[in-house]
Amino acid sequence: MSIPTLKEMTQSKKVKIGHYVGEFVTPGIGHILASARCDYVFLDLEHSGFGIETLKNAIRFFECGGIRVIVRSPSKNYDYIARICDVGADGIMVPMIKDAAEASNIISYIKYPPIGKRGVALGIAHDNYLRDDTPVYKRLELSNRKTTFFALIETKEGAKNANEIASLKEVDCLWVGHFDLSASLGIPGQFDHPEYKESLNKIIQAAKNNNKSLGRLVTSPEECSIDLDLGFDFCCFETDTSIYQKALISGINKIRKIVNER
């Protein structure tokens, strides 16, 4: 059975379950996520300290496991976004998207002409070093169809303009950055606050109005269940460091308890 592309995933309301990686990039990481039956990985360059060379290796590691890769850029600058595309990322997420104009500008960075203005480099990592007789315009069309844009909505302004952002044809998914959104509203971490709920509902409704996918990072299966009821279809379960720390702390505490009871 062929593995759906990210573009195909965003065009289906079937639930997609993934995992966040911001620390542990090893040759086996793709197979580890595959053994957990992840559909995709959220690979973070904004908060991890990973550079382009690490990303280039990581994409191949995940490719070996058949895991689709969404990469969060650390900036909105063309040079960084274009390099993320060139090393092979099909899914591009850019932080703090505030309005449709800014989203359109990002789209122009990740798409080749005539849709965008991404610089053309063929026969490199993003097209698996392909050398054949396919006309250049066809190769650019294929890349444009494959490249998938996840608009990260995580500010008060972004939530206000979510419907206009979602209405853009080349926006494939709205992604909620809940911590930054709450901080932008002046209520950091207060996810039950009416202002946060109002902004979240604007994003959810924008995705529904425009038939776009909707995603978020969650910290428990219970959180994911609530999100699914709200209309989310991309569930990104936990960060790599959090899972490792929780398991380690739990195990060591149990061992210490055994030791102390002897």
C-alpha atoms as a PDB file:
ATOM      1  CA  MET A   1       0.000   0.000   0.000  1.00  0.00           C
ATOM      2  CA  SER A   2       1.388   3.391  -0.986  1.00  0.00           C
ATOM      3  CA  ILE A   3       1.888   6.012   1.717  1.00  0.00           C
ATOM      4  CA  PRO A   4      -0.308   9.107   1.283  1.00  0.00           C
ATOM      5  CA  THR A   5       1.557  12.341   0.612  1.00  0.00           C
ATOM      6  CA  LEU A   6       1.071  15.267   2.963  1.00  0.00           C
ATOM      7  CA  LYS A   7      -0.969  16.961   0.268  1.00  0.00           C
ATOM      8  CA  GLU A   8      -3.259  13.928   0.112  1.00  0.00           C
ATOM      9  CA  MET A   9      -3.507  13.872   3.899  1.00  0.00           C
ATOM     10  CA  THR A  10      -4.707  17.481   3.979  1.00  0.00           C
ATOM     11  CA  GLN A  11      -7.327  16.704   1.350  1.00  0.00           C
ATOM     12  CA  SER A  12      -8.930  14.036   3.538  1.00  0.00           C
ATOM     13  CA  LYS A  13     -10.779  14.396   6.830  1.00  0.00           C
ATOM     14  CA  LYS A  14      -9.406  11.050   7.961  1.00  0.00           C
ATOM     15  CA  VAL A  15      -7.533  11.513  11.240  1.00  0.00           C
ATOM     16  CA  LYS A  16      -3.761  11.794  10.887  1.00  0.00           C
ATOM     17  CA  ILE A  17      -1.689  11.023  13.987  1.00  0.00           C
ATOM     18  CA  GLY A  18       1.876  12.229  14.330  1.00  0.00           C
ATOM     19  CA  HIS A  19       4.615  13.130  16.770  1.00  0.00           C
ATOM     20  CA  TYR A  20       6.820  16.158  17.459  1.00  0.00           C
ATOM     21  CA  VAL A  21      10.608  15.793  17.202  1.00  0.00           C
ATOM     22  CA  GLY A  22      12.829  18.606  18.435  1.00  0.00           C
ATOM     23  CA  GLU A  23      15.687  16.789  20.126  1.00  0.00           C
ATOM     24  CA  PHE A  24      16.291  13.184  19.085  1.00  0.00           C
ATOM     25  CA  VAL A  25      17.284  12.890  15.430  1.00  0.00           C
ATOM     26  CA  THR A  26      19.049   9.565  14.939  1.00  0.00           C
ATOM     27  CA  PRO A  27      19.321   7.201  11.970  1.00  0.00           C
ATOM     28  CA  GLY A  28      16.652   4.997  13.546  1.00  0.00           C
ATOM     29  CA  ILE A  29      14.105   7.696  14.323  1.00  0.00           C
ATOM     30  CA  GLY A  30      12.057   7.116  11.173  1.00  0.00           C
ATOM     31  CA  HIS A  31      11.655   3.414  11.906  1.00  0.00           C
ATOM     32  CA  ILE A  32      10.873   4.151  15.563  1.00  0.00           C
ATOM     33  CA  LEU A  33       7.973   6.390  14.527  1.00  0.00           C
ATOM     34  CA  ALA A  34       6.916   3.859  11.904  1.00  0.00           C
ATOM     35  CA  SER A  35       6.778   1.108  14.544  1.00  0.00           C
ATOM     36  CA  ALA A  36       4.437   3.379  16.538  1.00  0.00           C
ATOM     37  CA  ARG A  37       2.308   3.734  13.378  1.00  0.00           C
ATOM     38  CA  CYS A  38       2.764   7.486  13.080  1.00  0.00           C
ATOM     39  CA  ASP A  39       1.442   9.040   9.884  1.00  0.00           C
ATOM     40  CA  TYR A  40       3.763  12.048   9.981  1.00  0.00           C
ATOM     41  CA  VAL A  41       6.337  13.889  12.060  1.00  0.00           C
ATOM     42  CA  PHE A  42       6.386  17.539  13.096  1.00  0.00           C
ATOM     43  CA  LEU A  43      10.098  18.390  12.902  1.00  0.00           C
ATOM     44  CA  ASP A  44      10.797  21.676  14.640  1.00  0.00           C
ATOM     45  CA  LEU A  45      13.567  24.040  13.566  1.00  0.00           C
ATOM     46  CA  GLU A  46      12.151  27.011  15.462  1.00  0.00           C
ATOM     47  CA  HIS A  47      12.760  25.832  19.025  1.00  0.00           C
ATOM     48  CA  SER A  48      15.166  22.914  18.591  1.00  0.00           C
ATOM     49  CA  GLY A  49      18.410  24.473  17.419  1.00  0.00           C
ATOM     50  CA  PHE A  50      18.492  22.080  14.439  1.00  0.00           C
ATOM     51  CA  GLY A  51      20.205  23.489  11.360  1.00  0.00           C
ATOM     52  CA  ILE A  52      19.794  22.791   7.655  1.00  0.00           C
ATOM     53  CA  GLU A  53      22.411  20.008   7.592  1.00  0.00           C
ATOM     54  CA  THR A  54      20.641  18.186  10.431  1.00  0.00           C
ATOM     55  CA  LEU A  55      17.332  18.663   8.639  1.00  0.00           C
ATOM     56  CA  LYS A  56      18.713  17.243   5.410  1.00  0.00           C
ATOM     57  CA  ASN A  57      19.812  14.079   7.234  1.00  0.00           C
ATOM     58  CA  ALA A  58      16.597  13.845   9.254  1.00  0.00           C
ATOM     59  CA  ILE A  59      14.385  13.936   6.178  1.00  0.00           C
ATOM     60  CA  ARG A  60      16.206  10.859   4.833  1.00  0.00           C
ATOM     61  CA  PHE A  61      15.879   9.102   8.205  1.00  0.00           C
ATOM     62  CA  PHE A  62      12.118   9.652   8.185  1.00  0.00           C
ATOM     63  CA  GLU A  63      11.883   8.749   4.528  1.00  0.00           C
ATOM     64  CA  CYS A  64      13.380   5.345   5.370  1.00  0.00           C
ATOM     65  CA  GLY A  65      10.520   4.736   7.784  1.00  0.00           C
ATOM     66  CA  GLY A  66       7.872   5.995   5.371  1.00  0.00           C
ATOM     67  CA  ILE A  67       7.065   8.967   7.608  1.00  0.00           C
ATOM     68  CA  ARG A  68       5.921  12.219   6.011  1.00  0.00           C
ATOM     69  CA  VAL A  69       7.688  15.311   7.349  1.00  0.00           C
ATOM     70  CA  ILE A  70       6.248  18.696   8.311  1.00  0.00           C
ATOM     71  CA  VAL A  71       9.067  21.159   9.009  1.00  0.00           C
ATOM     72  CA  ARG A  72       8.557  24.288  11.072  1.00  0.00           C
ATOM     73  CA  SER A  73      10.822  27.071   9.872  1.00  0.00           C
ATOM     74  CA  PRO A  74      12.540  29.265  12.469  1.00  0.00           C
ATOM     75  CA  SER A  75      11.798  32.377  10.426  1.00  0.00           C
ATOM     76  CA  LYS A  76       9.671  33.906   7.675  1.00  0.00           C
ATOM     77  CA  ASN A  77      12.708  34.785   5.560  1.00  0.00           C
ATOM     78  CA  TYR A  78      12.963  33.533   1.993  1.00  0.00           C
ATOM     79  CA  ASP A  79      16.488  32.175   2.291  1.00  0.00           C
ATOM     80  CA  TYR A  80      15.599  29.856   5.160  1.00  0.00           C
ATOM     81  CA  ILE A  81      12.246  28.702   3.792  1.00  0.00           C
ATOM     82  CA  ALA A  82      13.654  28.017   0.308  1.00  0.00           C
ATOM     83  CA  ARG A  83      16.508  25.954   1.774  1.00  0.00           C
ATOM     84  CA  ILE A  84      14.033  23.896   3.817  1.00  0.00           C
ATOM     85  CA  CYS A  85      12.211  23.135   0.566  1.00  0.00           C
ATOM     86  CA  ASP A  86      15.418  22.368  -1.340  1.00  0.00           C
ATOM     87  CA  VAL A  87      16.653  19.779   1.187  1.00  0.00           C
ATOM     88  CA  GLY A  88      13.443  17.841   0.694  1.00  0.00           C
ATOM     89  CA  ALA A  89      10.670  19.049   3.007  1.00  0.00           C
ATOM     90  CA  ASP A  90       7.232  18.631   1.436  1.00  0.00           C
ATOM     91  CA  GLY A  91       5.384  20.097   4.412  1.00  0.00           C
ATOM     92  CA  ILE A  92       6.306  23.658   5.359  1.00  0.00           C
ATOM     93  CA  MET A  93       5.050  25.347   8.516  1.00  0.00           C
ATOM     94  CA  VAL A  94       5.889  28.987   9.185  1.00  0.00           C
ATOM     95  CA  PRO A  95       5.279  30.638  12.585  1.00  0.00           C
ATOM     96  CA  MET A  96       3.141  33.637  13.498  1.00  0.00           C
ATOM     97  CA  ILE A  97       1.130  33.965  10.278  1.00  0.00           C
ATOM     98  CA  LYS A  98      -0.848  37.151  10.915  1.00  0.00           C
ATOM     99  CA  ASP A  99      -2.918  37.724   7.769  1.00  0.00           C
ATOM    100  CA  ALA A 100      -3.632  36.635   4.200  1.00  0.00           C
ATOM    101  CA  ALA A 101      -0.996  38.952   2.731  1.00  0.00           C
ATOM    102  CA  GLU A 102       1.722  37.370   4.848  1.00  0.00           C
ATOM    103  CA  ALA A 103       0.479  33.863   4.015  1.00  0.00           C
ATOM    104  CA  SER A 104       0.528  34.762   0.302  1.00  0.00           C
ATOM    105  CA  ASN A 105       4.111  35.927   0.626  1.00  0.00           C
ATOM    106  CA  ILE A 106       5.157  32.638   2.246  1.00  0.00           C
ATOM    107  CA  ILE A 107       3.366  30.719  -0.506  1.00  0.00           C
ATOM    108  CA  SER A 108       5.411  32.643  -3.077  1.00  0.00           C
ATOM    109  CA  TYR A 109       8.582  31.413  -1.318  1.00  0.00           C
ATOM    110  CA  ILE A 110       7.664  27.717  -1.381  1.00  0.00           C
ATOM    111  CA  LYS A 111       6.119  27.554  -4.861  1.00  0.00           C
ATOM    112  CA  TYR A 112       7.830  27.761  -8.234  1.00  0.00           C
ATOM    113  CA  PRO A 113       6.600  30.083 -11.006  1.00  0.00           C
ATOM    114  CA  PRO A 114       3.955  30.785 -12.116  1.00  0.00           C
ATOM    115  CA  ILE A 115       2.449  30.396  -8.615  1.00  0.00           C
ATOM    116  CA  GLY A 116       5.442  31.716  -6.690  1.00  0.00           C
ATOM    117  CA  LYS A 117       9.003  32.914  -7.018  1.00  0.00           C
ATOM    118  CA  ARG A 118      11.058  30.109  -5.465  1.00  0.00           C
ATOM    119  CA  GLY A 119      14.462  29.809  -7.079  1.00  0.00           C
ATOM    120  CA  VAL A 120      14.785  26.798  -9.387  1.00  0.00           C
ATOM    121  CA  ALA A 121      17.303  24.067  -8.581  1.00  0.00           C
ATOM    122  CA  LEU A 122      16.649  20.616 -10.006  1.00  0.00           C
ATOM    123  CA  GLY A 123      18.387  17.278  -9.561  1.00  0.00           C
ATOM    124  CA  ILE A 124      19.051  17.914  -5.867  1.00  0.00           C
ATOM    125  CA  ALA A 125      17.629  16.591  -2.581  1.00  0.00           C
ATOM    126  CA  HIS A 126      14.034  17.811  -2.986  1.00  0.00           C
ATOM    127  CA  ASP A 127      13.496  15.780  -6.175  1.00  0.00           C
ATOM    128  CA  ASN A 128      15.712  12.858  -5.124  1.00  0.00           C
ATOM    129  CA  TYR A 129      18.539  13.910  -7.464  1.00  0.00           C
ATOM    130  CA  LEU A 130      16.417  12.954 -10.457  1.00  0.00           C
ATOM    131  CA  ARG A 131      18.029  13.197 -13.884  1.00  0.00           C
ATOM    132  CA  ASP A 132      15.647  12.486 -16.733  1.00  0.00           C
ATOM    133  CA  ASP A 133      14.066  14.055 -19.780  1.00  0.00           C
ATOM    134  CA  THR A 134      10.962  15.442 -18.050  1.00  0.00           C
ATOM    135  CA  PRO A 135      10.468  19.052 -19.223  1.00  0.00           C
ATOM    136  CA  VAL A 136      11.374  21.650 -16.632  1.00  0.00           C
ATOM    137  CA  TYR A 137       7.859  23.119 -16.540  1.00  0.00           C
ATOM    138  CA  LYS A 138       6.457  19.661 -15.719  1.00  0.00           C
ATOM    139  CA  ARG A 139       8.916  19.209 -12.885  1.00  0.00           C
ATOM    140  CA  LEU A 140       7.985  22.585 -11.443  1.00  0.00           C
ATOM    141  CA  GLU A 141       4.296  21.702 -11.700  1.00  0.00           C
ATOM    142  CA  LEU A 142       4.900  18.403  -9.875  1.00  0.00           C
ATOM    143  CA  SER A 143       6.794  20.146  -7.106  1.00  0.00           C
ATOM    144  CA  ASN A 144       4.100  22.799  -6.713  1.00  0.00           C
ATOM    145  CA  ARG A 145       1.443  20.093  -6.392  1.00  0.00           C
ATOM    146  CA  LYS A 146       3.516  18.244  -3.791  1.00  0.00           C
ATOM    147  CA  THR A 147       4.603  21.130  -1.555  1.00  0.00           C
ATOM    148  CA  THR A 148       2.125  21.519   1.313  1.00  0.00           C
ATOM    149  CA  PHE A 149       1.659  24.676   3.388  1.00  0.00           C
ATOM    150  CA  PHE A 150       0.680  24.535   7.061  1.00  0.00           C
ATOM    151  CA  ALA A 151      -0.251  28.043   8.217  1.00  0.00           C
ATOM    152  CA  LEU A 152       0.593  28.354  11.900  1.00  0.00           C
ATOM    153  CA  ILE A 153      -1.990  30.583  13.592  1.00  0.00           C
ATOM    154  CA  GLU A 154      -0.720  31.619  17.005  1.00  0.00           C
ATOM    155  CA  THR A 155      -1.466  35.307  17.493  1.00  0.00           C
ATOM    156  CA  LYS A 156      -4.558  37.377  18.216  1.00  0.00           C
ATOM    157  CA  GLU A 157      -4.212  38.997  14.789  1.00  0.00           C
ATOM    158  CA  GLY A 158      -3.821  35.647  13.061  1.00  0.00           C
ATOM    159  CA  ALA A 159      -6.968  34.290  14.707  1.00  0.00           C
ATOM    160  CA  LYS A 160      -8.888  37.420  13.720  1.00  0.00           C
ATOM    161  CA  ASN A 161      -7.803  36.949  10.086  1.00  0.00           C
ATOM    162  CA  ALA A 162      -8.021  33.151  10.049  1.00  0.00           C
ATOM    163  CA  ASN A 163     -10.866  32.996   7.544  1.00  0.00           C
ATOM    164  CA  GLU A 164      -9.009  35.146   5.001  1.00  0.00           C
ATOM    165  CA  ILE A 165      -5.865  33.047   5.496  1.00  0.00           C
ATOM    166  CA  ALA A 166      -7.787  29.793   5.053  1.00  0.00           C
ATOM    167  CA  SER A 167      -9.487  31.100   1.909  1.00  0.00           C
ATOM    168  CA  LEU A 168      -6.176  31.097   0.021  1.00  0.00           C
ATOM    169  CA  LYS A 169      -6.034  28.172  -2.379  1.00  0.00           C
ATOM    170  CA  GLU A 170      -2.455  27.192  -1.533  1.00  0.00           C
ATOM    171  CA  VAL A 171      -3.065  27.074   2.238  1.00  0.00           C
ATOM    172  CA  ASP A 172      -3.562  23.379   2.962  1.00  0.00           C
ATOM    173  CA  CYS A 173      -3.946  23.325   6.736  1.00  0.00           C
ATOM    174  CA  LEU A 174      -4.440  25.708   9.628  1.00  0.00           C
ATOM    175  CA  TRP A 175      -2.302  24.781  12.630  1.00  0.00           C
ATOM    176  CA  VAL A 176      -3.071  26.185  16.069  1.00  0.00           C
ATOM    177  CA  GLY A 177      -0.138  27.308  18.220  1.00  0.00           C
ATOM    178  CA  HIS A 178      -2.066  27.318  21.475  1.00  0.00           C
ATOM    179  CA  PHE A 179       0.623  28.538  23.894  1.00  0.00           C
ATOM    180  CA  ASP A 180       1.664  31.474  21.735  1.00  0.00           C
ATOM    181  CA  LEU A 181      -1.960  32.288  20.988  1.00  0.00           C
ATOM    182  CA  SER A 182      -2.799  32.475  24.681  1.00  0.00           C
ATOM    183  CA  ALA A 183       0.333  34.582  25.315  1.00  0.00           C
ATOM    184  CA  SER A 184      -0.620  36.936  22.461  1.00  0.00           C
ATOM    185  CA  LEU A 185      -4.000  37.403  24.103  1.00  0.00           C
ATOM    186  CA  GLY A 186      -2.335  38.303  27.414  1.00  0.00           C
ATOM    187  CA  ILE A 187      -3.575  35.135  29.134  1.00  0.00           C
ATOM    188  CA  PRO A 188      -0.634  32.706  28.808  1.00  0.00           C
ATOM    189  CA  GLY A 189      -1.644  29.103  29.421  1.00  0.00           C
ATOM    190  CA  GLN A 190      -5.253  29.968  30.271  1.00  0.00           C
ATOM    191  CA  PHE A 191      -6.927  27.707  27.738  1.00  0.00           C
ATOM    192  CA  ASP A 192     -10.316  27.847  29.470  1.00  0.00           C
ATOM    193  CA  HIS A 193     -10.383  31.638  29.274  1.00  0.00           C
ATOM    194  CA  PRO A 194     -13.280  33.025  27.157  1.00  0.00           C
ATOM    195  CA  GLU A 195     -10.905  35.118  25.014  1.00  0.00           C
ATOM    196  CA  TYR A 196      -8.796  32.091  24.150  1.00  0.00           C
ATOM    197  CA  LYS A 197     -11.858  30.017  23.345  1.00  0.00           C
ATOM    198  CA  GLU A 198     -13.222  32.792  21.148  1.00  0.00           C
ATOM    199  CA  SER A 199      -9.984  33.003  19.155  1.00  0.00           C
ATOM    200  CA  LEU A 200      -9.731  29.222  18.888  1.00  0.00           C
ATOM    201  CA  ASN A 201     -13.301  29.043  17.603  1.00  0.00           C
ATOM    202  CA  LYS A 202     -12.459  31.603  14.898  1.00  0.00           C
ATOM    203  CA  ILE A 203      -9.659  29.334  13.648  1.00  0.00           C
ATOM    204  CA  ILE A 204     -11.817  26.209  13.811  1.00  0.00           C
ATOM    205  CA  GLN A 205     -14.640  27.934  11.944  1.00  0.00           C
ATOM    206  CA  ALA A 206     -12.215  29.260   9.314  1.00  0.00           C
ATOM    207  CA  ALA A 207     -11.004  25.733   8.600  1.00  0.00           C
ATOM    208  CA  LYS A 208     -14.597  24.489   8.322  1.00  0.00           C
ATOM    209  CA  ASN A 209     -15.697  27.408   6.121  1.00  0.00           C
ATOM    210  CA  ASN A 210     -12.906  26.740   3.650  1.00  0.00           C
ATOM    211  CA  ASN A 211     -12.759  22.942   3.928  1.00  0.00           C
ATOM    212  CA  LYS A 212      -9.172  23.021   5.175  1.00  0.00           C
ATOM    213  CA  SER A 213      -7.391  20.616   7.487  1.00  0.00           C
ATOM    214  CA  LEU A 214      -6.828  21.618  11.089  1.00  0.00           C
ATOM    215  CA  GLY A 215      -4.007  20.543  13.394  1.00  0.00           C
ATOM    216  CA  ARG A 216      -2.505  21.006  16.843  1.00  0.00           C
ATOM    217  CA  LEU A 217       0.067  19.561  19.236  1.00  0.00           C
ATOM    218  CA  VAL A 218      -1.559  17.676  22.134  1.00  0.00           C
ATOM    219  CA  THR A 219      -0.143  16.205  25.326  1.00  0.00           C
ATOM    220  CA  SER A 220      -2.562  13.325  25.869  1.00  0.00           C
ATOM    221  CA  PRO A 221      -4.974  11.030  24.024  1.00  0.00           C
ATOM    222  CA  GLU A 222      -7.783  12.736  25.957  1.00  0.00           C
ATOM    223  CA  GLU A 223      -6.785  16.127  24.531  1.00  0.00           C
ATOM    224  CA  CYS A 224      -6.764  14.628  21.062  1.00  0.00           C
ATOM    225  CA  SER A 225     -10.257  13.216  21.596  1.00  0.00           C
ATOM    226  CA  ILE A 226     -11.566  16.684  22.509  1.00  0.00           C
ATOM    227  CA  ASP A 227      -9.880  18.171  19.427  1.00  0.00           C
ATOM    228  CA  LEU A 228     -11.388  15.550  17.135  1.00  0.00           C
ATOM    229  CA  ASP A 229     -14.843  16.501  18.402  1.00  0.00           C
ATOM    230  CA  LEU A 230     -14.004  20.137  17.552  1.00  0.00           C
ATOM    231  CA  GLY A 231     -13.084  19.257  13.966  1.00  0.00           C
ATOM    232  CA  PHE A 232      -9.309  18.759  14.114  1.00  0.00           C
ATOM    233  CA  ASP A 233      -7.941  16.060  11.812  1.00  0.00           C
ATOM    234  CA  PHE A 234      -4.159  16.405  12.427  1.00  0.00           C
ATOM    235  CA  CYS A 235      -3.346  15.201  15.935  1.00  0.00           C
ATOM    236  CA  CYS A 236       0.328  15.663  16.852  1.00  0.00           C
ATOM    237  CA  PHE A 237       0.912  13.645  20.008  1.00  0.00           C
ATOM    238  CA  GLU A 238       3.523  14.898  22.466  1.00  0.00           C
ATOM    239  CA  THR A 239       7.127  16.060  22.098  1.00  0.00           C
ATOM    240  CA  ASP A 240      10.038  13.659  22.051  1.00  0.00           C
ATOM    241  CA  THR A 241      11.653  15.187  25.144  1.00  0.00           C
ATOM    242  CA  SER A 242       8.413  15.117  27.140  1.00  0.00           C
ATOM    243  CA  ILE A 243       7.731  11.450  26.424  1.00  0.00           C
ATOM    244  CA  TYR A 244      11.299  10.483  27.300  1.00  0.00           C
ATOM    245  CA  GLN A 245      11.332  12.558  30.488  1.00  0.00           C
ATOM    246  CA  LYS A 246       7.955  11.298  31.719  1.00  0.00           C
ATOM    247  CA  ALA A 247       8.911   7.663  31.188  1.00  0.00           C
ATOM    248  CA  LEU A 248      12.331   8.147  32.789  1.00  0.00           C
ATOM    249  CA  ILE A 249      11.008  10.055  35.811  1.00  0.00           C
ATOM    250  CA  SER A 250       8.223   7.529  36.354  1.00  0.00           C
ATOM    251  CA  GLY A 251      10.541   4.521  36.111  1.00  0.00           C
ATOM    252  CA  ILE A 252      13.270   5.951  38.336  1.00  0.00           C
ATOM    253  CA  ASN A 253      10.761   7.088  40.976  1.00  0.00           C
ATOM    254  CA  LYS A 254       9.300   3.588  41.116  1.00  0.00           C
ATOM    255  CA  ILE A 255      12.762   2.062  41.476  1.00  0.00           C
ATOM    256  CA  ARG A 256      13.665   4.529  44.247  1.00  0.00           C
ATOM    257  CA  LYS A 257      10.437   3.621  46.048  1.00  0.00           C
ATOM    258  CA  ILE A 258      11.355  -0.060  45.854  1.00  0.00           C
ATOM    259  CA  VAL A 259      14.845   0.725  47.166  1.00  0.00           C
ATOM    260  CA  ASN A 260      13.492   2.830  50.037  1.00  0.00           C
ATOM    261  CA  GLU A 261      11.022   0.135  51.084  1.00  0.00           C
ATOM    262  CA  ARG A 262      13.693  -2.541  51.438  1.00  0.00           C
END
